[in-house]
Amino acid sequence: MAGKGLAYDFQLCSRQDCPDSLADFREEQCRQWDLYFEHGDAQHHWLPHEHRDAKERCHLYCESKETGEVVSMKRMVHDGTRCSYKDAFSLCVRGDCRKVGCDGVIGSSKQEDKCGVCGGDNSHCKVVKGTFTRSPKKHAVKNLETGKFILNEENDVDASSKTFIAMGVEWEYRDEDGRETLQTMGPLHGTITVLVIPAGDTRISLTYKYMIHEDSLNVDDNNVLEDDSVVYEWALKKWSPCSKPCGGGSQFTKYGCRRRLDHKMVHRGFCAALSKPKAIRRACNPQECSQPV
């Protein structure tokens, strides 16, 4: 007599977008094992990894930031985790991938077109592209919202090609005969910054191309900003100590040099060629002094 397996029903719930639209649920599940899951007698910082075998994508695999090794964490991903970075809607349930359409219906095959219209035909998509010419020594790409590098932090690209996950999407990097390319299918929800550190008189071309809905052109910063005129600036660092502890004193602004891109304070020498703002004076400690007894 054949036994029957346990049946279960499921439905989607809490379908509204999370407050943090940049969060990556699979990345969070890998990161929580940083201090606890040891591999090779060492601790690792675990990054999300999408398994090549579609049948394994609802099991948690993570990649070591230190060694690049991909390790099974010996558990399924939590229900509600996206099956693949190539599919923004299908979800893992009890270790199996369940097809979900962009209309939020389980089993639906309806998909977004190339610029995010559910069931669209790409007729409202616009391609934005252009080319910069620069003198590079090194280039890097970073997430502007978090300030974290997604490519080339401390020269970490030592392979001619690699696939990695950042900002909730999968990226592909290639370096072929000195021509570097970085691409993602998206959708990209955050802002990225491409950094180029100049060196000598060497010139290169940096070409970009992306697709966007026509209604979003030049709206909400969905454009390309080219800015290499001013890298550093004087910024308010702190106020000087008040000249008097009570009875009305005064204090002045103290300025430091900071990098405009990420507002990180740097050595004052980087701002040596820039005119320093005049100090601002303000009153402080206005309360009356207590009378001695």
Foldseek 3Di string as FASTA:
>chain_A
DDDDDDDDDDADDPPDQDPPNLDAQLQVVQQVCQPPDDDPNDGFRWGFDADPDLLQQQFGWTAGPVPRDIDGPPGGRDWQHASDLVAPAWTDDPSDTWDAAPVRDTPDPFYAPLAGHTNDDCPQKDKDKDKDKAAAPDKFKPFLVVRGTPGQDVHPPPDQWDWHDDSSWIKIWHADPNDIDIDTSDPHDTDMDMDGDHDDDDMDMDMDMGMHGNVCVVHPPPDDDDDDPDFKDKDFDDWDDFPDQAQKTKIKTDIFMATPRRRHTDHRVVCVVPDDDDIDMDIDRHHHDDDDD
